Amino acid sequence: MYGTGYSPYSSILSFILNIVIILVIVGVVVALLNKSNFVGSGSSDRLTRVEKDVDDIKRMVEDIKNKLDEI
């Protein structure tokens, strides 16, 4: 009774238009997230590199700590 238009079909068309707009927005967001490598197979490679860097830093800290203990 309180549709957006004057005929019963206009409310159905506006509903379909709203659904299409929502789907387009969701599609754009997903495409941008995939393009920015936020989600993807490259993240496991980056994680491996970060873990390796953390291990290197731990070894460096231990070496510095041992040298300071010798002094």
Protein backbone atom coordinates (compact mmCIF):
# COMPACT_ATOMS: atom_id res chain seq x y z
CA MET A 1 0.00 0.00 0.00
CA TYR A 2 2.83 2.41 0.77
CA GLY A 3 5.17 1.54 -2.11
CA THR A 4 7.66 3.83 -3.76
CA GLY A 5 5.57 4.24 -6.90
CA TYR A 6 1.99 4.43 -8.04
CA SER A 7 1.63 0.94 -9.45
CA PRO A 8 2.13 -2.39 -7.70
CA TYR A 9 4.98 -3.23 -10.08
CA SER A 10 7.08 -0.20 -9.14
CA SER A 11 7.59 -1.47 -5.59
CA ILE A 12 8.75 -4.82 -6.97
CA LEU A 13 11.10 -3.07 -9.39
CA SER A 14 12.51 -0.88 -6.62
CA PHE A 15 13.07 -3.99 -4.48
CA ILE A 16 14.94 -5.69 -7.33
CA LEU A 17 16.94 -2.51 -7.94
CA ASN A 18 17.93 -2.38 -4.26
CA ILE A 19 19.08 -6.02 -4.39
CA VAL A 20 21.13 -5.33 -7.55
CA ILE A 21 22.77 -2.28 -5.95
CA ILE A 22 23.67 -4.30 -2.84
CA LEU A 23 25.17 -7.09 -4.97
CA VAL A 24 27.22 -4.58 -6.98
CA ILE A 25 28.58 -2.98 -3.79
CA VAL A 26 29.48 -6.38 -2.32
CA GLY A 27 31.17 -7.38 -5.59
CA VAL A 28 33.25 -4.20 -5.66
CA VAL A 29 34.35 -4.70 -2.04
CA VAL A 30 35.35 -8.32 -2.68
CA ALA A 31 37.25 -7.33 -5.83
CA LEU A 32 39.13 -4.59 -3.99
CA LEU A 33 40.03 -6.92 -1.13
CA ASN A 34 41.36 -9.53 -3.56
CA LYS A 35 43.31 -6.93 -5.50
CA SER A 36 44.99 -5.59 -2.35
CA ASN A 37 46.18 -9.12 -1.40
CA PHE A 38 44.25 -8.89 1.86
CA VAL A 39 42.96 -12.38 1.17
CA GLY A 40 44.85 -14.81 -0.99
CA SER A 41 47.62 -17.32 -1.42
CA GLY A 42 50.33 -14.68 -1.13
CA SER A 43 49.56 -14.17 2.53
CA SER A 44 51.09 -17.55 3.46
CA ASP A 45 54.33 -16.57 1.72
CA ARG A 46 54.42 -13.29 3.61
CA LEU A 47 53.72 -15.12 6.86
CA THR A 48 56.63 -17.49 6.21
CA ARG A 49 58.96 -14.54 5.55
CA VAL A 50 57.81 -12.78 8.72
CA GLU A 51 58.38 -15.94 10.79
CA LYS A 52 61.88 -16.25 9.34
CA ASP A 53 62.61 -12.60 10.16
CA VAL A 54 61.37 -13.11 13.72
CA ASP A 55 63.68 -16.11 14.14
CA ASP A 56 66.62 -14.08 12.82
CA ILE A 57 65.85 -11.25 15.24
CA LYS A 58 65.63 -13.72 18.15
CA ARG A 59 69.06 -15.11 17.24
CA MET A 60 70.52 -11.61 17.02
CA VAL A 61 69.09 -10.69 20.42
CA GLU A 62 70.52 -13.87 21.95
CA ASP A 63 73.94 -13.10 20.44
CA ILE A 64 73.88 -9.56 21.80
CA LYS A 65 72.75 -10.85 25.19
CA ASN A 66 75.60 -13.38 25.28
CA LYS A 67 78.15 -10.71 24.34
CA LEU A 68 76.84 -8.43 27.06
CA ASP A 69 77.06 -11.28 29.59
CA GLU A 70 80.71 -11.82 28.61
CA ILE A 71 81.48 -8.17 29.31
